[in-house]
Amino acid sequence: MNIDLHSYLKVLKFKNGKVFDRIRRKWLQIQPEELVRQCMIHYIVNEKKAIPTRIAIEKTIKVFGQKRRFDIVYYNANLTPHILFECKAPGVNLTEQTFEQAIWYNYQVSAPFLILSNGKQNVGYRVDVVNKTYKKINSFPDL
C-alpha cells in the first residue's frame, strides 16, 4: 500500500510546539506518532474524501480488562466501524508485535479493515471479524 504521508506535513498547522488536530479542533503536543496520525487524517479526508464527522481519534476501549486507546477509526454510513488505523512513530518498524496490538484492538472495534502506518510504511488488511482472520491488501479500501 503506497501512501505518501510525508507530503502532508506541509499542510499541518503548527504553533508553539503544537500541531492542530482538525477533527478534535484542538492543539496537541508535537510527537512523532501524533504527526503520523495527523498526516493520516489529512490523507483520508483530502485524498479519500472521508467525512470528518465519521472519524474518531484516540477513544478509550477495553482490551482484556485494560484501558487502551485506538488511534483512528473511520465509521461507515451506518456508523459502524469500517477501518481501524494504528499509527506508530516513523522510527518504529511495523513488526508482528505492532500487528498483534492492532488485532487485539480490533477485537473490540470489529472493523472489516485494518491499516498500520508509521508514515513511511503502510500495511493494510481485510478482516473477517467472525472467523478472526486477516488477509493483506495492496490498496486502500473504499470508504
N, C-alpha and C. Protein backbone atom coordinates (compact mmCIF):
# COMPACT_ATOMS: atom_id res chain seq x y z
N MET A 1 0.86 -1.17 0.00
CA MET A 1 0.00 0.00 0.00
C MET A 1 0.90 1.23 0.00
N ASN A 2 0.86 1.97 -1.07
CA ASN A 2 1.77 3.10 -1.25
C ASN A 2 1.04 4.41 -0.94
N ILE A 3 1.27 4.94 0.25
CA ILE A 3 0.69 6.21 0.66
C ILE A 3 1.84 7.11 1.10
N ASP A 4 1.92 8.30 0.51
CA ASP A 4 2.98 9.25 0.87
C ASP A 4 2.48 10.20 1.94
N LEU A 5 2.52 9.77 3.20
CA LEU A 5 2.05 10.61 4.29
C LEU A 5 2.99 11.78 4.55
N HIS A 6 4.26 11.61 4.24
CA HIS A 6 5.25 12.67 4.47
C HIS A 6 4.84 13.97 3.78
N SER A 7 4.22 13.87 2.62
CA SER A 7 3.82 15.07 1.88
C SER A 7 2.76 15.89 2.62
N TYR A 8 2.08 15.28 3.58
CA TYR A 8 1.04 16.00 4.32
C TYR A 8 1.59 16.83 5.48
N LEU A 9 2.85 16.68 5.79
CA LEU A 9 3.45 17.51 6.84
C LEU A 9 3.32 19.00 6.51
N LYS A 10 3.41 19.33 5.22
CA LYS A 10 3.37 20.73 4.82
C LYS A 10 1.97 21.35 4.96
N VAL A 11 0.92 20.56 5.08
CA VAL A 11 -0.42 21.12 5.24
C VAL A 11 -0.88 21.17 6.70
N LEU A 12 -0.09 20.58 7.59
CA LEU A 12 -0.44 20.64 9.00
C LEU A 12 -0.19 22.04 9.54
N LYS A 13 -0.97 22.43 10.53
CA LYS A 13 -0.80 23.74 11.16
C LYS A 13 0.00 23.56 12.44
N PHE A 14 1.07 24.36 12.58
CA PHE A 14 1.95 24.29 13.75
C PHE A 14 1.98 25.64 14.45
N LYS A 15 2.07 25.60 15.78
CA LYS A 15 2.19 26.83 16.55
C LYS A 15 2.71 26.48 17.95
N ASN A 16 3.77 27.14 18.36
CA ASN A 16 4.31 27.00 19.72
C ASN A 16 4.55 25.54 20.13
N GLY A 17 5.15 24.77 19.24
CA GLY A 17 5.46 23.37 19.55
C GLY A 17 4.25 22.46 19.55
N LYS A 18 3.17 22.92 18.92
CA LYS A 18 1.95 22.12 18.86
C LYS A 18 1.48 21.99 17.42
N VAL A 19 0.66 20.96 17.19
CA VAL A 19 0.06 20.72 15.88
C VAL A 19 -1.45 20.75 16.07
N PHE A 20 -2.16 21.31 15.07
CA PHE A 20 -3.60 21.42 15.18
C PHE A 20 -4.29 20.17 14.66
N ASP A 21 -5.18 19.60 15.48
CA ASP A 21 -5.98 18.44 15.10
C ASP A 21 -7.30 18.96 14.54
N ARG A 22 -7.49 18.80 13.24
CA ARG A 22 -8.67 19.36 12.57
C ARG A 22 -9.96 18.64 12.93
N ILE A 23 -9.88 17.42 13.42
CA ILE A 23 -11.08 16.68 13.80
C ILE A 23 -11.52 17.06 15.22
N ARG A 24 -10.58 17.01 16.15
CA ARG A 24 -10.91 17.34 17.54
C ARG A 24 -10.89 18.84 17.79
N ARG A 25 -10.40 19.60 16.80
CA ARG A 25 -10.33 21.06 16.87
C ARG A 25 -9.58 21.55 18.10
N LYS A 26 -8.36 21.01 18.25
CA LYS A 26 -7.53 21.47 19.35
C LYS A 26 -6.06 21.30 19.00
N TRP A 27 -5.23 22.03 19.74
CA TRP A 27 -3.78 21.97 19.55
C TRP A 27 -3.22 20.86 20.43
N LEU A 28 -2.32 20.05 19.85
CA LEU A 28 -1.72 18.92 20.55
C LEU A 28 -0.20 19.03 20.53
N GLN A 29 0.44 18.50 21.54
CA GLN A 29 1.90 18.49 21.58
C GLN A 29 2.43 17.72 20.38
N ILE A 30 3.48 18.26 19.78
CA ILE A 30 4.10 17.57 18.64
C ILE A 30 4.87 16.36 19.15
N GLN A 31 4.44 15.20 18.70
CA GLN A 31 5.10 13.93 18.96
C GLN A 31 5.17 13.20 17.62
N PRO A 32 6.20 12.39 17.39
CA PRO A 32 6.30 11.70 16.10
C PRO A 32 5.05 10.91 15.73
N GLU A 33 4.49 10.17 16.67
CA GLU A 33 3.28 9.39 16.38
C GLU A 33 2.09 10.31 16.08
N GLU A 34 2.01 11.43 16.78
CA GLU A 34 0.92 12.38 16.53
C GLU A 34 1.00 12.95 15.12
N LEU A 35 2.22 13.21 14.65
CA LEU A 35 2.37 13.72 13.28
C LEU A 35 1.91 12.70 12.26
N VAL A 36 2.21 11.43 12.49
CA VAL A 36 1.73 10.37 11.59
C VAL A 36 0.21 10.33 11.62
N ARG A 37 -0.36 10.39 12.81
CA ARG A 37 -1.82 10.36 12.96
C ARG A 37 -2.46 11.55 12.20
N GLN A 38 -1.90 12.74 12.38
CA GLN A 38 -2.46 13.92 11.72
C GLN A 38 -2.30 13.86 10.20
N CYS A 39 -1.16 13.34 9.74
CA CYS A 39 -0.96 13.18 8.29
C CYS A 39 -1.95 12.16 7.72
N MET A 40 -2.23 11.08 8.46
CA MET A 40 -3.19 10.08 8.00
C MET A 40 -4.59 10.70 7.93
N ILE A 41 -4.94 11.50 8.91
CA ILE A 41 -6.24 12.17 8.88
C ILE A 41 -6.36 13.05 7.64
N HIS A 42 -5.34 13.84 7.36
CA HIS A 42 -5.38 14.69 6.17
C HIS A 42 -5.46 13.85 4.90
N TYR A 43 -4.74 12.75 4.86
CA TYR A 43 -4.78 11.88 3.69
C TYR A 43 -6.19 11.34 3.45
N ILE A 44 -6.80 10.78 4.50
CA ILE A 44 -8.11 10.16 4.27
C ILE A 44 -9.20 11.21 3.96
N VAL A 45 -9.08 12.40 4.54
CA VAL A 45 -10.07 13.44 4.26
C VAL A 45 -9.83 14.05 2.87
N ASN A 46 -8.58 14.39 2.55
CA ASN A 46 -8.29 15.08 1.29
C ASN A 46 -8.24 14.16 0.08
N GLU A 47 -7.64 13.00 0.22
CA GLU A 47 -7.46 12.10 -0.93
C GLU A 47 -8.59 11.09 -1.07
N LYS A 48 -9.05 10.56 0.05
CA LYS A 48 -10.06 9.50 0.02
C LYS A 48 -11.47 10.04 0.26
N LYS A 49 -11.56 11.33 0.53
CA LYS A 49 -12.84 12.01 0.72
C LYS A 49 -13.63 11.46 1.91
N ALA A 50 -12.91 11.12 2.97
CA ALA A 50 -13.55 10.68 4.20
C ALA A 50 -14.37 11.83 4.78
N ILE A 51 -15.48 11.50 5.37
CA ILE A 51 -16.34 12.51 6.00
C ILE A 51 -15.81 12.74 7.42
N PRO A 52 -15.35 13.96 7.72
CA PRO A 52 -14.71 14.22 9.02
C PRO A 52 -15.53 13.82 10.23
N THR A 53 -16.85 13.94 10.16
CA THR A 53 -17.68 13.59 11.33
C THR A 53 -17.74 12.09 11.58
N ARG A 54 -17.24 11.30 10.66
CA ARG A 54 -17.20 9.84 10.85
C ARG A 54 -15.84 9.36 11.35
N ILE A 55 -14.98 10.28 11.74
CA ILE A 55 -13.64 9.94 12.22
C ILE A 55 -13.60 10.08 13.74
N ALA A 56 -13.16 9.02 14.40
CA ALA A 56 -12.93 9.06 15.85
C ALA A 56 -11.44 8.90 16.09
N ILE A 57 -10.92 9.68 17.05
CA ILE A 57 -9.48 9.66 17.32
C ILE A 57 -9.24 9.41 18.80
N GLU A 58 -8.35 8.48 19.08
CA GLU A 58 -7.89 8.18 20.43
C GLU A 58 -9.04 8.01 21.44
N LYS A 59 -9.96 7.13 21.10
CA LYS A 59 -11.06 6.81 22.02
C LYS A 59 -10.64 5.61 22.88
N THR A 60 -11.10 5.60 24.10
CA THR A 60 -10.76 4.54 25.03
C THR A 60 -11.60 3.29 24.76
N ILE A 61 -10.92 2.15 24.75
CA ILE A 61 -11.57 0.85 24.65
C ILE A 61 -10.96 -0.05 25.72
N LYS A 62 -11.62 -1.14 26.03
CA LYS A 62 -11.07 -2.10 26.99
C LYS A 62 -10.57 -3.32 26.24
N VAL A 63 -9.31 -3.67 26.49
CA VAL A 63 -8.69 -4.84 25.89
C VAL A 63 -8.20 -5.71 27.04
N PHE A 64 -8.82 -6.86 27.19
CA PHE A 64 -8.51 -7.76 28.31
C PHE A 64 -8.58 -7.04 29.65
N GLY A 65 -9.62 -6.22 29.81
CA GLY A 65 -9.84 -5.52 31.07
C GLY A 65 -8.98 -4.30 31.28
N GLN A 66 -8.08 -4.01 30.35
CA GLN A 66 -7.21 -2.84 30.49
C GLN A 66 -7.67 -1.74 29.53
N LYS A 67 -7.61 -0.51 30.01
CA LYS A 67 -7.98 0.62 29.16
C LYS A 67 -6.87 0.89 28.16
N ARG A 68 -7.26 0.97 26.91
CA ARG A 68 -6.36 1.30 25.81
C ARG A 68 -7.05 2.33 24.94
N ARG A 69 -6.27 2.99 24.07
CA ARG A 69 -6.86 3.95 23.14
C ARG A 69 -6.44 3.59 21.72
N PHE A 70 -7.44 3.49 20.85
CA PHE A 70 -7.10 3.28 19.44
C PHE A 70 -6.67 4.62 18.85
N ASP A 71 -5.97 4.57 17.73
CA ASP A 71 -5.52 5.81 17.08
C ASP A 71 -6.65 6.48 16.30
N ILE A 72 -7.14 5.79 15.28
CA ILE A 72 -8.20 6.35 14.44
C ILE A 72 -9.16 5.23 14.05
N VAL A 73 -10.45 5.54 14.07
CA VAL A 73 -11.46 4.65 13.49
C VAL A 73 -12.30 5.49 12.55
N TYR A 74 -12.50 4.95 11.34
CA TYR A 74 -13.41 5.59 10.39
C TYR A 74 -14.68 4.75 10.35
N TYR A 75 -15.82 5.44 10.50
CA TYR A 75 -17.12 4.78 10.53
C TYR A 75 -17.81 4.88 9.17
N ASN A 76 -18.56 3.85 8.81
CA ASN A 76 -19.30 3.87 7.54
C ASN A 76 -20.60 4.66 7.69
N ALA A 77 -21.43 4.65 6.65
CA ALA A 77 -22.68 5.42 6.66
C ALA A 77 -23.64 4.95 7.75
N ASN A 78 -23.53 3.69 8.16
CA ASN A 78 -24.37 3.16 9.24
C ASN A 78 -23.78 3.42 10.61
N LEU A 79 -22.65 4.15 10.62
CA LEU A 79 -21.93 4.49 11.85
C LEU A 79 -21.42 3.27 12.61
N THR A 80 -21.03 2.26 11.84
CA THR A 80 -20.31 1.12 12.41
C THR A 80 -18.86 1.22 11.95
N PRO A 81 -17.92 0.73 12.75
CA PRO A 81 -16.50 0.85 12.38
C PRO A 81 -16.22 0.22 11.01
N HIS A 82 -15.49 0.96 10.19
CA HIS A 82 -15.13 0.48 8.86
C HIS A 82 -13.63 0.22 8.74
N ILE A 83 -12.81 1.16 9.25
CA ILE A 83 -11.36 0.99 9.21
C ILE A 83 -10.78 1.39 10.57
N LEU A 84 -9.94 0.53 11.10
CA LEU A 84 -9.15 0.86 12.29
C LEU A 84 -7.73 1.17 11.82
N PHE A 85 -7.23 2.33 12.21
CA PHE A 85 -5.87 2.74 11.87
C PHE A 85 -5.01 2.67 13.12
N GLU A 86 -3.88 2.02 13.02
CA GLU A 86 -2.89 2.00 14.11
C GLU A 86 -1.67 2.76 13.60
N CYS A 87 -1.36 3.88 14.25
CA CYS A 87 -0.25 4.74 13.83
C CYS A 87 0.92 4.61 14.79
N LYS A 88 2.10 4.55 14.24
CA LYS A 88 3.33 4.48 15.01
C LYS A 88 4.26 5.60 14.55
N ALA A 89 5.21 5.93 15.38
CA ALA A 89 6.21 6.93 15.02
C ALA A 89 7.03 6.43 13.84
N PRO A 90 7.57 7.34 13.02
CA PRO A 90 8.36 6.92 11.86
C PRO A 90 9.53 5.99 12.19
N GLY A 91 10.09 6.11 13.37
CA GLY A 91 11.22 5.25 13.75
C GLY A 91 10.82 3.88 14.24
N VAL A 92 9.52 3.63 14.35
CA VAL A 92 9.03 2.33 14.84
C VAL A 92 8.68 1.46 13.64
N ASN A 93 9.32 0.31 13.56
CA ASN A 93 9.03 -0.61 12.46
C ASN A 93 7.68 -1.28 12.67
N LEU A 94 7.02 -1.57 11.57
CA LEU A 94 5.74 -2.28 11.64
C LEU A 94 6.03 -3.77 11.72
N THR A 95 6.12 -4.26 12.93
CA THR A 95 6.50 -5.64 13.19
C THR A 95 5.27 -6.51 13.48
N GLU A 96 5.52 -7.77 13.71
CA GLU A 96 4.46 -8.69 14.12
C GLU A 96 3.81 -8.21 15.43
N GLN A 97 4.62 -7.64 16.32
CA GLN A 97 4.10 -7.13 17.59
C GLN A 97 3.13 -5.96 17.35
N THR A 98 3.46 -5.07 16.42
CA THR A 98 2.59 -3.96 16.06
C THR A 98 1.27 -4.50 15.51
N PHE A 99 1.37 -5.48 14.64
CA PHE A 99 0.19 -6.11 14.03
C PHE A 99 -0.68 -6.75 15.12
N GLU A 100 -0.06 -7.46 16.06
CA GLU A 100 -0.82 -8.12 17.12
C GLU A 100 -1.54 -7.10 18.00
N GLN A 101 -0.89 -5.99 18.29
CA GLN A 101 -1.54 -4.93 19.08
C GLN A 101 -2.80 -4.45 18.36
N ALA A 102 -2.68 -4.19 17.07
CA ALA A 102 -3.82 -3.73 16.29
C ALA A 102 -4.93 -4.79 16.23
N ILE A 103 -4.54 -6.05 16.14
CA ILE A 103 -5.54 -7.13 16.13
C ILE A 103 -6.34 -7.13 17.43
N TRP A 104 -5.65 -7.01 18.57
CA TRP A 104 -6.35 -7.00 19.86
C TRP A 104 -7.29 -5.82 19.95
N TYR A 105 -6.85 -4.67 19.47
CA TYR A 105 -7.74 -3.51 19.46
C TYR A 105 -8.95 -3.78 18.57
N ASN A 106 -8.70 -4.40 17.43
CA ASN A 106 -9.80 -4.65 16.50
C ASN A 106 -10.78 -5.70 17.01
N TYR A 107 -10.38 -6.55 17.92
CA TYR A 107 -11.34 -7.48 18.53
C TYR A 107 -12.43 -6.68 19.25
N GLN A 108 -12.10 -5.52 19.76
CA GLN A 108 -13.09 -4.66 20.42
C GLN A 108 -13.83 -3.77 19.42
N VAL A 109 -13.11 -3.30 18.41
CA VAL A 109 -13.69 -2.35 17.44
C VAL A 109 -14.52 -3.07 16.37
N SER A 110 -14.04 -4.22 15.91
CA SER A 110 -14.70 -5.04 14.88
C SER A 110 -14.82 -4.35 13.52
N ALA A 111 -13.76 -3.69 13.09
CA ALA A 111 -13.73 -3.07 11.76
C ALA A 111 -13.33 -4.11 10.71
N PRO A 112 -13.92 -4.07 9.52
CA PRO A 112 -13.54 -5.02 8.48
C PRO A 112 -12.21 -4.72 7.79
N PHE A 113 -11.61 -3.55 8.11
CA PHE A 113 -10.31 -3.21 7.56
C PHE A 113 -9.41 -2.67 8.66
N LEU A 114 -8.13 -2.96 8.51
CA LEU A 114 -7.12 -2.54 9.48
C LEU A 114 -5.95 -1.98 8.68
N ILE A 115 -5.47 -0.79 9.07
CA ILE A 115 -4.32 -0.19 8.40
C ILE A 115 -3.30 0.21 9.45
N LEU A 116 -2.07 -0.25 9.25
CA LEU A 116 -0.95 0.09 10.11
C LEU A 116 -0.07 1.08 9.35
N SER A 117 0.41 2.11 10.05
CA SER A 117 1.28 3.09 9.39
C SER A 117 2.29 3.67 10.36
N ASN A 118 3.50 3.86 9.86
CA ASN A 118 4.50 4.64 10.60
C ASN A 118 4.87 5.89 9.79
N GLY A 119 4.03 6.21 8.83
CA GLY A 119 4.24 7.38 7.99
C GLY A 119 5.07 7.08 6.75
N LYS A 120 5.95 6.10 6.85
CA LYS A 120 6.78 5.71 5.72
C LYS A 120 6.29 4.40 5.12
N GLN A 121 5.89 3.50 5.99
CA GLN A 121 5.42 2.18 5.59
C GLN A 121 3.94 2.09 5.99
N ASN A 122 3.12 1.54 5.08
CA ASN A 122 1.70 1.38 5.34
C ASN A 122 1.30 -0.02 4.92
N VAL A 123 0.60 -0.72 5.81
CA VAL A 123 0.18 -2.08 5.53
C VAL A 123 -1.30 -2.18 5.84
N GLY A 124 -2.06 -2.75 4.91
CA GLY A 124 -3.49 -2.90 5.10
C GLY A 124 -3.92 -4.35 5.14
N TYR A 125 -5.03 -4.59 5.83
CA TYR A 125 -5.58 -5.94 5.97
C TYR A 125 -7.09 -5.90 5.83
N ARG A 126 -7.63 -6.92 5.21
CA ARG A 126 -9.07 -7.18 5.19
C ARG A 126 -9.32 -8.12 6.35
N VAL A 127 -10.31 -7.82 7.16
CA VAL A 127 -10.56 -8.57 8.38
C VAL A 127 -11.87 -9.33 8.27
N ASP A 128 -11.81 -10.62 8.56
CA ASP A 128 -13.02 -11.42 8.74
C ASP A 128 -13.24 -11.46 10.24
N VAL A 129 -14.12 -10.58 10.72
CA VAL A 129 -14.33 -10.42 12.16
C VAL A 129 -14.88 -11.69 12.79
N VAL A 130 -15.77 -12.39 12.10
CA VAL A 130 -16.39 -13.59 12.65
C VAL A 130 -15.36 -14.70 12.84
N ASN A 131 -14.56 -14.97 11.80
CA ASN A 131 -13.57 -16.05 11.86
C ASN A 131 -12.22 -15.60 12.40
N LYS A 132 -12.10 -14.30 12.66
CA LYS A 132 -10.87 -13.72 13.20
C LYS A 132 -9.66 -14.05 12.32
N THR A 133 -9.83 -13.79 11.02
CA THR A 133 -8.73 -13.98 10.08
C THR A 133 -8.44 -12.64 9.40
N TYR A 134 -7.21 -12.50 8.91
CA TYR A 134 -6.74 -11.26 8.30
C TYR A 134 -6.04 -11.60 7.00
N LYS A 135 -6.32 -10.83 5.97
CA LYS A 135 -5.65 -11.01 4.69
C LYS A 135 -5.07 -9.68 4.25
N LYS A 136 -3.79 -9.68 3.90
CA LYS A 136 -3.12 -8.46 3.47
C LYS A 136 -3.76 -7.95 2.19
N ILE A 137 -3.93 -6.63 2.09
CA ILE A 137 -4.45 -6.00 0.89
C ILE A 137 -3.42 -5.04 0.33
N ASN A 138 -3.47 -4.80 -0.96
CA ASN A 138 -2.48 -3.96 -1.63
C ASN A 138 -2.95 -2.53 -1.86
N SER A 139 -4.25 -2.30 -1.75
CA SER A 139 -4.75 -0.96 -1.99
C SER A 139 -5.64 -0.50 -0.84
N PHE A 140 -5.79 0.79 -0.75
CA PHE A 140 -6.59 1.38 0.32
C PHE A 140 -8.04 1.01 0.10
N PRO A 141 -8.75 0.59 1.15
CA PRO A 141 -10.16 0.20 0.98
C PRO A 141 -11.05 1.39 0.63
N ASP A 142 -12.12 1.12 -0.07
CA ASP A 142 -13.10 2.17 -0.37
C ASP A 142 -13.75 2.64 0.92
N LEU A 143 -14.07 3.92 0.94
CA LEU A 143 -14.78 4.47 2.09
C LEU A 143 -16.25 4.51 1.79
